[in-house]
Full PDB file with SEQRES, HELIX, SHEET, SSBOND, CRYST1, ORIGX, SCALE, CONECT and MASTER records, all heavy atoms in Angstrom:
SEQRES   1 A   43  GLY VAL VAL ALA VAL LYS PRO THR LEU GLY THR VAL SER          
SEQRES   2 A   43  ARG ARG GLY VAL VAL PRO ILE ALA HIS SER GLN ASP THR          
SEQRES   3 A   43  ALA GLY PRO MET ALA THR SER VAL ALA ASP ALA ALA LEU          
SEQRES   4 A   43  LEU LEU GLN VAL                                              
HELIX    1 AA1 VAL A   34  GLN A   42  1                                   9    
SHEET    1 AA1 2 VAL A   3  ALA A   4  0                                        
SHEET    2 AA1 2 MET A  30  ALA A  31 -1                                        
CRYST1    1.000    1.000    1.000  90.00  90.00  90.00 P 1           1          
ORIGX1      1.000000  0.000000  0.000000        0.00000                         
ORIGX2      0.000000  1.000000  0.000000        0.00000                         
ORIGX3      0.000000  0.000000  1.000000        0.00000                         
SCALE1      1.000000  0.000000  0.000000        0.00000                         
SCALE2      0.000000  1.000000  0.000000        0.00000                         
SCALE3      0.000000  0.000000  1.000000        0.00000                         
ATOM      1  N   GLY A   1       0.776  -1.232   0.000  1.00  0.00           N  
ATOM      2  CA  GLY A   1       0.000   0.000   0.000  1.00  0.00           C  
ATOM      3  C   GLY A   1       0.803   1.275   0.000  1.00  0.00           C  
ATOM      4  O   GLY A   1       0.424   2.253   0.664  1.00  0.00           O  
ATOM      5  N   VAL A   2       1.907   1.319  -0.766  1.00  0.00           N  
ATOM      6  CA  VAL A   2       2.703   2.538  -0.879  1.00  0.00           C  
ATOM      7  C   VAL A   2       2.968   2.833  -2.349  1.00  0.00           C  
ATOM      8  O   VAL A   2       2.601   2.057  -3.240  1.00  0.00           O  
ATOM      9  CB  VAL A   2       4.046   2.422  -0.105  1.00  0.00           C  
ATOM     10  CG1 VAL A   2       3.786   2.202   1.374  1.00  0.00           C  
ATOM     11  CG2 VAL A   2       4.920   1.309  -0.664  1.00  0.00           C  
ATOM     12  N   VAL A   3       3.609   3.955  -2.594  1.00  0.00           N  
ATOM     13  CA  VAL A   3       3.985   4.370  -3.946  1.00  0.00           C  
ATOM     14  C   VAL A   3       5.400   3.895  -4.245  1.00  0.00           C  
ATOM     15  O   VAL A   3       6.270   3.931  -3.369  1.00  0.00           O  
ATOM     16  CB  VAL A   3       3.910   5.904  -4.086  1.00  0.00           C  
ATOM     17  CG1 VAL A   3       4.446   6.365  -5.442  1.00  0.00           C  
ATOM     18  CG2 VAL A   3       2.489   6.394  -3.873  1.00  0.00           C  
ATOM     19  N   ALA A   4       5.624   3.453  -5.461  1.00  0.00           N  
ATOM     20  CA  ALA A   4       6.985   3.125  -5.904  1.00  0.00           C  
ATOM     21  C   ALA A   4       7.156   3.563  -7.344  1.00  0.00           C  
ATOM     22  O   ALA A   4       6.195   3.590  -8.122  1.00  0.00           O  
ATOM     23  CB  ALA A   4       7.270   1.635  -5.771  1.00  0.00           C  
ATOM     24  N   VAL A   5       8.392   3.902  -7.678  1.00  0.00           N  
ATOM     25  CA  VAL A   5       8.739   4.307  -9.040  1.00  0.00           C  
ATOM     26  C   VAL A   5       9.907   3.462  -9.515  1.00  0.00           C  
ATOM     27  O   VAL A   5      10.973   3.462  -8.892  1.00  0.00           O  
ATOM     28  CB  VAL A   5       9.126   5.797  -9.124  1.00  0.00           C  
ATOM     29  CG1 VAL A   5       9.382   6.194 -10.573  1.00  0.00           C  
ATOM     30  CG2 VAL A   5       8.062   6.676  -8.500  1.00  0.00           C  
ATOM     31  N   LYS A   6       9.686   2.731 -10.609  1.00  0.00           N  
ATOM     32  CA  LYS A   6      10.798   2.096 -11.313  1.00  0.00           C  
ATOM     33  C   LYS A   6      11.181   3.038 -12.445  1.00  0.00           C  
ATOM     34  O   LYS A   6      10.449   3.174 -13.420  1.00  0.00           O  
ATOM     35  CB  LYS A   6      10.404   0.735 -11.894  1.00  0.00           C  
ATOM     36  CG  LYS A   6      11.604  -0.014 -12.513  1.00  0.00           C  
ATOM     37  CD  LYS A   6      11.185  -1.048 -13.528  1.00  0.00           C  
ATOM     38  CE  LYS A   6      10.975  -0.469 -14.903  1.00  0.00           C  
ATOM     39  NZ  LYS A   6      12.250  -0.064 -15.565  1.00  0.00           N  
ATOM     40  N   PRO A   7      12.290   3.738 -12.334  1.00  0.00           N  
ATOM     41  CA  PRO A   7      12.627   4.730 -13.348  1.00  0.00           C  
ATOM     42  C   PRO A   7      13.141   4.105 -14.634  1.00  0.00           C  
ATOM     43  O   PRO A   7      13.455   2.909 -14.698  1.00  0.00           O  
ATOM     44  CB  PRO A   7      13.715   5.565 -12.668  1.00  0.00           C  
ATOM     45  CG  PRO A   7      14.347   4.629 -11.689  1.00  0.00           C  
ATOM     46  CD  PRO A   7      13.260   3.713 -11.230  1.00  0.00           C  
ATOM     47  N   THR A   8      13.245   4.923 -15.653  1.00  0.00           N  
ATOM     48  CA  THR A   8      13.894   4.510 -16.893  1.00  0.00           C  
ATOM     49  C   THR A   8      15.294   3.981 -16.589  1.00  0.00           C  
ATOM     50  O   THR A   8      16.026   4.561 -15.774  1.00  0.00           O  
ATOM     51  CB  THR A   8      13.991   5.706 -17.858  1.00  0.00           C  
ATOM     52  OG1 THR A   8      12.673   6.076 -18.274  1.00  0.00           O  
ATOM     53  CG2 THR A   8      14.835   5.388 -19.077  1.00  0.00           C  
ATOM     54  N   LEU A   9      15.667   2.915 -17.232  1.00  0.00           N  
ATOM     55  CA  LEU A   9      16.990   2.326 -17.034  1.00  0.00           C  
ATOM     56  C   LEU A   9      18.081   3.376 -17.255  1.00  0.00           C  
ATOM     57  O   LEU A   9      18.108   4.045 -18.289  1.00  0.00           O  
ATOM     58  CB  LEU A   9      17.186   1.167 -18.019  1.00  0.00           C  
ATOM     59  CG  LEU A   9      18.453   0.337 -17.827  1.00  0.00           C  
ATOM     60  CD1 LEU A   9      18.302  -0.588 -16.635  1.00  0.00           C  
ATOM     61  CD2 LEU A   9      18.762  -0.467 -19.087  1.00  0.00           C  
ATOM     62  N   GLY A  10      18.958   3.550 -16.265  1.00  0.00           N  
ATOM     63  CA  GLY A  10      20.059   4.500 -16.371  1.00  0.00           C  
ATOM     64  C   GLY A  10      19.764   5.857 -15.760  1.00  0.00           C  
ATOM     65  O   GLY A  10      20.670   6.679 -15.639  1.00  0.00           O  
ATOM     66  N   THR A  11      18.521   6.100 -15.363  1.00  0.00           N  
ATOM     67  CA  THR A  11      18.206   7.368 -14.695  1.00  0.00           C  
ATOM     68  C   THR A  11      18.990   7.476 -13.394  1.00  0.00           C  
ATOM     69  O   THR A  11      19.498   8.539 -13.033  1.00  0.00           O  
ATOM     70  CB  THR A  11      16.697   7.464 -14.411  1.00  0.00           C  
ATOM     71  OG1 THR A  11      15.986   7.325 -15.642  1.00  0.00           O  
ATOM     72  CG2 THR A  11      16.340   8.784 -13.757  1.00  0.00           C  
ATOM     73  N   VAL A  12      19.080   6.350 -12.679  1.00  0.00           N  
ATOM     74  CA  VAL A  12      19.858   6.238 -11.446  1.00  0.00           C  
ATOM     75  C   VAL A  12      21.029   5.304 -11.700  1.00  0.00           C  
ATOM     76  O   VAL A  12      20.856   4.223 -12.276  1.00  0.00           O  
ATOM     77  CB  VAL A  12      18.986   5.684 -10.296  1.00  0.00           C  
ATOM     78  CG1 VAL A  12      19.804   5.516  -9.024  1.00  0.00           C  
ATOM     79  CG2 VAL A  12      17.783   6.595 -10.052  1.00  0.00           C  
ATOM     80  N   SER A  13      22.216   5.700 -11.294  1.00  0.00           N  
ATOM     81  CA  SER A  13      23.394   4.857 -11.501  1.00  0.00           C  
ATOM     82  C   SER A  13      23.258   3.544 -10.731  1.00  0.00           C  
ATOM     83  O   SER A  13      22.764   3.497  -9.606  1.00  0.00           O  
ATOM     84  CB  SER A  13      24.655   5.580 -11.033  1.00  0.00           C  
ATOM     85  OG  SER A  13      25.769   4.698 -11.070  1.00  0.00           O  
ATOM     86  N   ARG A  14      23.763   2.456 -11.353  1.00  0.00           N  
ATOM     87  CA  ARG A  14      23.727   1.133 -10.720  1.00  0.00           C  
ATOM     88  C   ARG A  14      25.050   0.794 -10.051  1.00  0.00           C  
ATOM     89  O   ARG A  14      25.185  -0.285  -9.475  1.00  0.00           O  
ATOM     90  CB  ARG A  14      23.380   0.087 -11.769  1.00  0.00           C  
ATOM     91  CG  ARG A  14      22.029   0.311 -12.426  1.00  0.00           C  
ATOM     92  CD  ARG A  14      21.879  -0.444 -13.720  1.00  0.00           C  
ATOM     93  NE  ARG A  14      22.878   0.000 -14.693  1.00  0.00           N  
ATOM     94  CZ  ARG A  14      22.980  -0.498 -15.924  1.00  0.00           C  
ATOM     95  NH1 ARG A  14      22.153  -1.433 -16.327  1.00  0.00           N  
ATOM     96  NH2 ARG A  14      23.905  -0.054 -16.749  1.00  0.00           N  
ATOM     97  N   ARG A  15      26.019   1.695 -10.099  1.00  0.00           N  
ATOM     98  CA  ARG A  15      27.298   1.421  -9.457  1.00  0.00           C  
ATOM     99  C   ARG A  15      27.106   1.207  -7.958  1.00  0.00           C  
ATOM    100  O   ARG A  15      26.522   2.014  -7.267  1.00  0.00           O  
ATOM    101  CB  ARG A  15      28.269   2.588  -9.701  1.00  0.00           C  
ATOM    102  CG  ARG A  15      29.568   2.488  -8.909  1.00  0.00           C  
ATOM    103  CD  ARG A  15      30.605   3.503  -9.375  1.00  0.00           C  
ATOM    104  NE  ARG A  15      30.123   4.866  -9.325  1.00  0.00           N  
ATOM    105  CZ  ARG A  15      30.226   5.679  -8.271  1.00  0.00           C  
ATOM    106  NH1 ARG A  15      30.765   5.225  -7.139  1.00  0.00           N  
ATOM    107  NH2 ARG A  15      29.784   6.929  -8.329  1.00  0.00           N  
ATOM    108  N   GLY A  16      27.604   0.077  -7.466  1.00  0.00           N  
ATOM    109  CA  GLY A  16      27.506  -0.219  -6.057  1.00  0.00           C  
ATOM    110  C   GLY A  16      26.209  -0.881  -5.640  1.00  0.00           C  
ATOM    111  O   GLY A  16      25.907  -0.931  -4.445  1.00  0.00           O  
ATOM    112  N   VAL A  17      25.447  -1.398  -6.593  1.00  0.00           N  
ATOM    113  CA  VAL A  17      24.221  -2.134  -6.290  1.00  0.00           C  
ATOM    114  C   VAL A  17      24.425  -3.585  -6.713  1.00  0.00           C  
ATOM    115  O   VAL A  17      24.828  -3.851  -7.847  1.00  0.00           O  
ATOM    116  CB  VAL A  17      23.003  -1.532  -7.019  1.00  0.00           C  
ATOM    117  CG1 VAL A  17      21.744  -2.346  -6.703  1.00  0.00           C  
ATOM    118  CG2 VAL A  17      22.809  -0.067  -6.629  1.00  0.00           C  
ATOM    119  N   VAL A  18      24.158  -4.522  -5.817  1.00  0.00           N  
ATOM    120  CA  VAL A  18      24.315  -5.936  -6.142  1.00  0.00           C  
ATOM    121  C   VAL A  18      23.429  -6.259  -7.345  1.00  0.00           C  
ATOM    122  O   VAL A  18      22.216  -6.023  -7.300  1.00  0.00           O  
ATOM    123  CB  VAL A  18      23.943  -6.827  -4.950  1.00  0.00           C  
ATOM    124  CG1 VAL A  18      24.151  -8.296  -5.301  1.00  0.00           C  
ATOM    125  CG2 VAL A  18      24.764  -6.457  -3.714  1.00  0.00           C  
ATOM    126  N   PRO A  19      23.987  -6.790  -8.422  1.00  0.00           N  
ATOM    127  CA  PRO A  19      23.231  -6.899  -9.676  1.00  0.00           C  
ATOM    128  C   PRO A  19      22.485  -8.219  -9.851  1.00  0.00           C  
ATOM    129  O   PRO A  19      22.793  -9.229  -9.222  1.00  0.00           O  
ATOM    130  CB  PRO A  19      24.339  -6.795 -10.725  1.00  0.00           C  
ATOM    131  CG  PRO A  19      25.505  -7.496 -10.077  1.00  0.00           C  
ATOM    132  CD  PRO A  19      25.412  -7.152  -8.599  1.00  0.00           C  
ATOM    133  N   ILE A  20      21.487  -8.178 -10.731  1.00  0.00           N  
ATOM    134  CA  ILE A  20      20.984  -9.370 -11.401  1.00  0.00           C  
ATOM    135  C   ILE A  20      21.338  -9.262 -12.876  1.00  0.00           C  
ATOM    136  O   ILE A  20      22.048 -10.093 -13.406  1.00  0.00           O  
ATOM    137  CB  ILE A  20      19.464  -9.549 -11.211  1.00  0.00           C  
ATOM    138  CG1 ILE A  20      19.145  -9.928  -9.758  1.00  0.00           C  
ATOM    139  CG2 ILE A  20      18.934 -10.640 -12.152  1.00  0.00           C  
ATOM    140  CD1 ILE A  20      17.673 -10.155  -9.502  1.00  0.00           C  
ATOM    141  N   ALA A  21      20.849  -8.192 -13.529  1.00  0.00           N  
ATOM    142  CA  ALA A  21      21.062  -8.093 -14.974  1.00  0.00           C  
ATOM    143  C   ALA A  21      21.101  -6.633 -15.399  1.00  0.00           C  
ATOM    144  O   ALA A  21      20.150  -5.885 -15.141  1.00  0.00           O  
ATOM    145  CB  ALA A  21      19.954  -8.826 -15.723  1.00  0.00           C  
ATOM    146  N   HIS A  22      22.182  -6.260 -16.089  1.00  0.00           N  
ATOM    147  CA  HIS A  22      22.361  -4.856 -16.446  1.00  0.00           C  
ATOM    148  C   HIS A  22      21.321  -4.360 -17.445  1.00  0.00           C  
ATOM    149  O   HIS A  22      21.105  -3.152 -17.564  1.00  0.00           O  
ATOM    150  CB  HIS A  22      23.776  -4.619 -16.990  1.00  0.00           C  
ATOM    151  CG  HIS A  22      24.100  -5.419 -18.212  1.00  0.00           C  
ATOM    152  ND1 HIS A  22      24.747  -6.635 -18.160  1.00  0.00           N  
ATOM    153  CD2 HIS A  22      23.861  -5.179 -19.520  1.00  0.00           C  
ATOM    154  CE1 HIS A  22      24.901  -7.105 -19.379  1.00  0.00           C  
ATOM    155  NE2 HIS A  22      24.372  -6.242 -20.229  1.00  0.00           N  
ATOM    156  N   SER A  23      20.670  -5.253 -18.184  1.00  0.00           N  
ATOM    157  CA  SER A  23      19.648  -4.816 -19.137  1.00  0.00           C  
ATOM    158  C   SER A  23      18.373  -4.355 -18.459  1.00  0.00           C  
ATOM    159  O   SER A  23      17.540  -3.684 -19.091  1.00  0.00           O  
ATOM    160  CB  SER A  23      19.301  -5.952 -20.113  1.00  0.00           C  
ATOM    161  OG  SER A  23      20.372  -6.226 -20.983  1.00  0.00           O  
ATOM    162  N   GLN A  24      18.192  -4.720 -17.168  1.00  0.00           N  
ATOM    163  CA  GLN A  24      16.922  -4.419 -16.512  1.00  0.00           C  
ATOM    164  C   GLN A  24      17.060  -3.820 -15.111  1.00  0.00           C  
ATOM    165  O   GLN A  24      16.100  -3.266 -14.585  1.00  0.00           O  
ATOM    166  CB  GLN A  24      16.059  -5.693 -16.431  1.00  0.00           C  
ATOM    167  CG  GLN A  24      15.683  -6.244 -17.789  1.00  0.00           C  
ATOM    168  CD  GLN A  24      14.786  -7.466 -17.738  1.00  0.00           C  
ATOM    169  OE1 GLN A  24      14.745  -8.258 -18.672  1.00  0.00           O  
ATOM    170  NE2 GLN A  24      14.050  -7.647 -16.669  1.00  0.00           N  
ATOM    171  N   ASP A  25      18.214  -3.910 -14.465  1.00  0.00           N  
ATOM    172  CA  ASP A  25      18.359  -3.480 -13.079  1.00  0.00           C  
ATOM    173  C   ASP A  25      18.249  -1.965 -12.913  1.00  0.00           C  
ATOM    174  O   ASP A  25      18.844  -1.200 -13.681  1.00  0.00           O  
ATOM    175  CB  ASP A  25      19.733  -3.888 -12.531  1.00  0.00           C  
ATOM    176  CG  ASP A  25      19.846  -5.365 -12.260  1.00  0.00           C  
ATOM    177  OD1 ASP A  25      18.822  -6.070 -12.316  1.00  0.00           O  
ATOM    178  OD2 ASP A  25      20.974  -5.825 -11.978  1.00  0.00           O  
ATOM    179  N   THR A  26      17.539  -1.550 -11.870  1.00  0.00           N  
ATOM    180  CA  THR A  26      17.535  -0.147 -11.473  1.00  0.00           C  
ATOM    181  C   THR A  26      17.093  -0.028 -10.027  1.00  0.00           C  
ATOM    182  O   THR A  26      16.314  -0.849  -9.533  1.00  0.00           O  
ATOM    183  CB  THR A  26      16.605   0.707 -12.351  1.00  0.00           C  
ATOM    184  OG1 THR A  26      16.681   2.081 -11.936  1.00  0.00           O  
ATOM    185  CG2 THR A  26      15.157   0.259 -12.251  1.00  0.00           C  
ATOM    186  N   ALA A  27      17.591   0.975  -9.343  1.00  0.00           N  
ATOM    187  CA  ALA A  27      17.071   1.346  -8.040  1.00  0.00           C  
ATOM    188  C   ALA A  27      15.934   2.332  -8.233  1.00  0.00           C  
ATOM    189  O   ALA A  27      15.826   2.995  -9.277  1.00  0.00           O  
ATOM    190  CB  ALA A  27      18.163   1.967  -7.173  1.00  0.00           C  
ATOM    191  N   GLY A  28      15.069   2.437  -7.210  1.00  0.00           N  
ATOM    192  CA  GLY A  28      13.967   3.380  -7.291  1.00  0.00           C  
ATOM    193  C   GLY A  28      13.416   3.698  -5.915  1.00  0.00           C  
ATOM    194  O   GLY A  28      13.704   3.001  -4.942  1.00  0.00           O  
ATOM    195  N   PRO A  29      12.598   4.758  -5.819  1.00  0.00           N  
ATOM    196  CA  PRO A  29      12.096   5.225  -4.527  1.00  0.00           C  
ATOM    197  C   PRO A  29      10.789   4.573  -4.112  1.00  0.00           C  
ATOM    198  O   PRO A  29       9.976   4.160  -4.951  1.00  0.00           O  
ATOM    199  CB  PRO A  29      11.879   6.720  -4.773  1.00  0.00           C  
ATOM    200  CG  PRO A  29      11.474   6.772  -6.221  1.00  0.00           C  
ATOM    201  CD  PRO A  29      12.251   5.689  -6.909  1.00  0.00           C  
ATOM    202  N   MET A  30      10.571   4.514  -2.802  1.00  0.00           N  
ATOM    203  CA  MET A  30       9.299   4.119  -2.210  1.00  0.00           C  
ATOM    204  C   MET A  30       8.915   5.179  -1.187  1.00  0.00           C  
ATOM    205  O   MET A  30       9.767   5.667  -0.446  1.00  0.00           O  
ATOM    206  CB  MET A  30       9.407   2.753  -1.539  1.00  0.00           C  
ATOM    207  CG  MET A  30       9.560   1.610  -2.521  1.00  0.00           C  
ATOM    208  SD  MET A  30       9.703   0.025  -1.659  1.00  0.00           S  
ATOM    209  CE  MET A  30       9.265  -1.116  -2.973  1.00  0.00           C  
ATOM    210  N   ALA A  31       7.619   5.524  -1.134  1.00  0.00           N  
ATOM    211  CA  ALA A  31       7.143   6.575  -0.246  1.00  0.00           C  
ATOM    212  C   ALA A  31       5.649   6.423  -0.067  1.00  0.00           C  
ATOM    213  O   ALA A  31       5.013   5.563  -0.685  1.00  0.00           O  
ATOM    214  CB  ALA A  31       7.490   7.950  -0.823  1.00  0.00           C  
ATOM    215  N   THR A  32       5.068   7.291   0.750  1.00  0.00           N  
ATOM    216  CA  THR A  32       3.626   7.237   0.967  1.00  0.00           C  
ATOM    217  C   THR A  32       2.861   8.129   0.005  1.00  0.00           C  
ATOM    218  O   THR A  32       1.632   8.134   0.026  1.00  0.00           O  
ATOM    219  CB  THR A  32       3.273   7.640   2.409  1.00  0.00           C  
ATOM    220  OG1 THR A  32       3.810   8.940   2.676  1.00  0.00           O  
ATOM    221  CG2 THR A  32       3.844   6.635   3.406  1.00  0.00           C  
ATOM    222  N   SER A  33       3.540   8.879  -0.826  1.00  0.00           N  
ATOM    223  CA  SER A  33       2.874   9.718  -1.816  1.00  0.00           C  
ATOM    224  C   SER A  33       3.742   9.822  -3.055  1.00  0.00           C  
ATOM    225  O   SER A  33       4.956   9.598  -3.010  1.00  0.00           O  
ATOM    226  CB  SER A  33       2.609  11.120  -1.254  1.00  0.00           C  
ATOM    227  OG  SER A  33       3.820  11.855  -1.150  1.00  0.00           O  
ATOM    228  N   VAL A  34       3.093  10.182  -4.158  1.00  0.00           N  
ATOM    229  CA  VAL A  34       3.827  10.341  -5.411  1.00  0.00           C  
ATOM    230  C   VAL A  34       4.844  11.472  -5.299  1.00  0.00           C  
ATOM    231  O   VAL A  34       5.981  11.353  -5.774  1.00  0.00           O  
ATOM    232  CB  VAL A  34       2.848  10.599  -6.575  1.00  0.00           C  
ATOM    233  CG1 VAL A  34       3.610  10.930  -7.860  1.00  0.00           C  
ATOM    234  CG2 VAL A  34       1.943   9.386  -6.796  1.00  0.00           C  
ATOM    235  N   ALA A  35       4.465  12.576  -4.658  1.00  0.00           N  
ATOM    236  CA  ALA A  35       5.378  13.712  -4.543  1.00  0.00           C  
ATOM    237  C   ALA A  35       6.614  13.348  -3.743  1.00  0.00           C  
ATOM    238  O   ALA A  35       7.731  13.740  -4.092  1.00  0.00           O  
ATOM    239  CB  ALA A  35       4.653  14.891  -3.892  1.00  0.00           C  
ATOM    240  N   ASP A  36       6.443  12.589  -2.658  1.00  0.00           N  
ATOM    241  CA  ASP A  36       7.591  12.171  -1.859  1.00  0.00           C  
ATOM    242  C   ASP A  36       8.516  11.267  -2.675  1.00  0.00           C  
ATOM    243  O   ASP A  36       9.739  11.397  -2.642  1.00  0.00           O  
ATOM    244  CB  ASP A  36       7.118  11.415  -0.623  1.00  0.00           C  
ATOM    245  CG  ASP A  36       6.396  12.306   0.377  1.00  0.00           C  
ATOM    246  OD1 ASP A  36       5.887  13.364  -0.027  1.00  0.00           O  
ATOM    247  OD2 ASP A  36       6.330  11.931   1.559  1.00  0.00           O  
ATOM    248  N   ALA A  37       7.912  10.321  -3.402  1.00  0.00           N  
ATOM    249  CA  ALA A  37       8.714   9.411  -4.222  1.00  0.00           C  
ATOM    250  C   ALA A  37       9.465  10.172  -5.309  1.00  0.00           C  
ATOM    251  O   ALA A  37      10.631   9.885  -5.600  1.00  0.00           O  
ATOM    252  CB  ALA A  37       7.818   8.337  -4.843  1.00  0.00           C  
ATOM    253  N   ALA A  38       8.793  11.149  -5.911  1.00  0.00           N  
ATOM    254  CA  ALA A  38       9.433  11.940  -6.956  1.00  0.00           C  
ATOM    255  C   ALA A  38      10.623  12.721  -6.411  1.00  0.00           C  
ATOM    256  O   ALA A  38      11.674  12.824  -7.056  1.00  0.00           O  
ATOM    257  CB  ALA A  38       8.421  12.893  -7.578  1.00  0.00           C  
ATOM    258  N   LEU A  39      10.468  13.278  -5.211  1.00  0.00           N  
ATOM    259  CA  LEU A  39      11.566  14.026  -4.604  1.00  0.00           C  
ATOM    260  C   LEU A  39      12.778  13.131  -4.383  1.00  0.00           C  
ATOM    261  O   LEU A  39      13.917  13.509  -4.691  1.00  0.00           O  
ATOM    262  CB  LEU A  39      11.104  14.630  -3.291  1.00  0.00           C  
ATOM    263  CG  LEU A  39      12.165  15.426  -2.521  1.00  0.00           C  
ATOM    264  CD1 LEU A  39      12.578  16.656  -3.296  1.00  0.00           C  
ATOM    265  CD2 LEU A  39      11.645  15.810  -1.146  1.00  0.00           C  
ATOM    266  N   LEU A  40      12.543  11.940  -3.857  1.00  0.00           N  
ATOM    267  CA  LEU A  40      13.653  11.012  -3.629  1.00  0.00           C  
ATOM    268  C   LEU A  40      14.306  10.624  -4.948  1.00  0.00           C  
ATOM    269  O   LEU A  40      15.533  10.547  -5.045  1.00  0.00           O  
ATOM    270  CB  LEU A  40      13.153   9.775  -2.883  1.00  0.00           C  
ATOM    271  CG  LEU A  40      14.176   8.687  -2.558  1.00  0.00           C  
ATOM    272  CD1 LEU A  40      15.374   9.241  -1.807  1.00  0.00           C  
ATOM    273  CD2 LEU A  40      13.513   7.565  -1.759  1.00  0.00           C  
ATOM    274  N   LEU A  41      13.490  10.396  -5.979  1.00  0.00           N  
ATOM    275  CA  LEU A  41      14.054  10.042  -7.284  1.00  0.00           C  
ATOM    276  C   LEU A  41      14.877  11.189  -7.858  1.00  0.00           C  
ATOM    277  O   LEU A  41      15.951  10.964  -8.437  1.00  0.00           O  
ATOM    278  CB  LEU A  41      12.928   9.661  -8.237  1.00  0.00           C  
ATOM    279  CG  LEU A  41      13.348   9.285  -9.664  1.00  0.00           C  
ATOM    280  CD1 LEU A  41      14.343   8.124  -9.661  1.00  0.00           C  
ATOM    281  CD2 LEU A  41      12.125   8.946 -10.517  1.00  0.00           C  
ATOM    282  N   GLN A  42      14.404  12.420  -7.695  1.00  0.00           N  
ATOM    283  CA  GLN A  42      15.161  13.569  -8.200  1.00  0.00           C  
ATOM    284  C   GLN A  42      16.559  13.619  -7.577  1.00  0.00           C  
ATOM    285  O   GLN A  42      17.534  13.961  -8.252  1.00  0.00           O  
ATOM    286  CB  GLN A  42      14.400  14.862  -7.902  1.00  0.00           C  
ATOM    287  CG  GLN A  42      13.174  15.076  -8.767  1.00  0.00           C  
ATOM    288  CD  GLN A  42      12.319  16.229  -8.278  1.00  0.00           C  
ATOM    289  OE1 GLN A  42      12.216  16.478  -7.077  1.00  0.00           O  
ATOM    290  NE2 GLN A  42      11.692  16.944  -9.198  1.00  0.00           N  
ATOM    291  N   VAL A  43      16.643  13.285  -6.296  1.00  0.00           N  
ATOM    292  CA  VAL A  43      17.940  13.312  -5.620  1.00  0.00           C  
ATOM    293  C   VAL A  43      18.832  12.166  -6.099  1.00  0.00           C  
ATOM    294  O   VAL A  43      20.028  12.351  -6.344  1.00  0.00           O  
ATOM    295  CB  VAL A  43      17.746  13.251  -4.095  1.00  0.00           C  
ATOM    296  CG1 VAL A  43      19.076  13.030  -3.383  1.00  0.00           C  
ATOM    297  CG2 VAL A  43      17.094  14.539  -3.596  1.00  0.00           C  
TER     298      VAL A  43                                                      
MASTER        0    0    0    1    2    0    0    6  297    1    0    4          
END                                                                             
């Protein structure tokens, strides 16, 4: 029951994240609102 954003591949660097597959891996934000998630993604 929260908001999450899977961004476009490469929007967030994957350096230092334990990988599965470079064609699909990305980090993304989770929050209780879209605005909060967007702010975290912007950073």
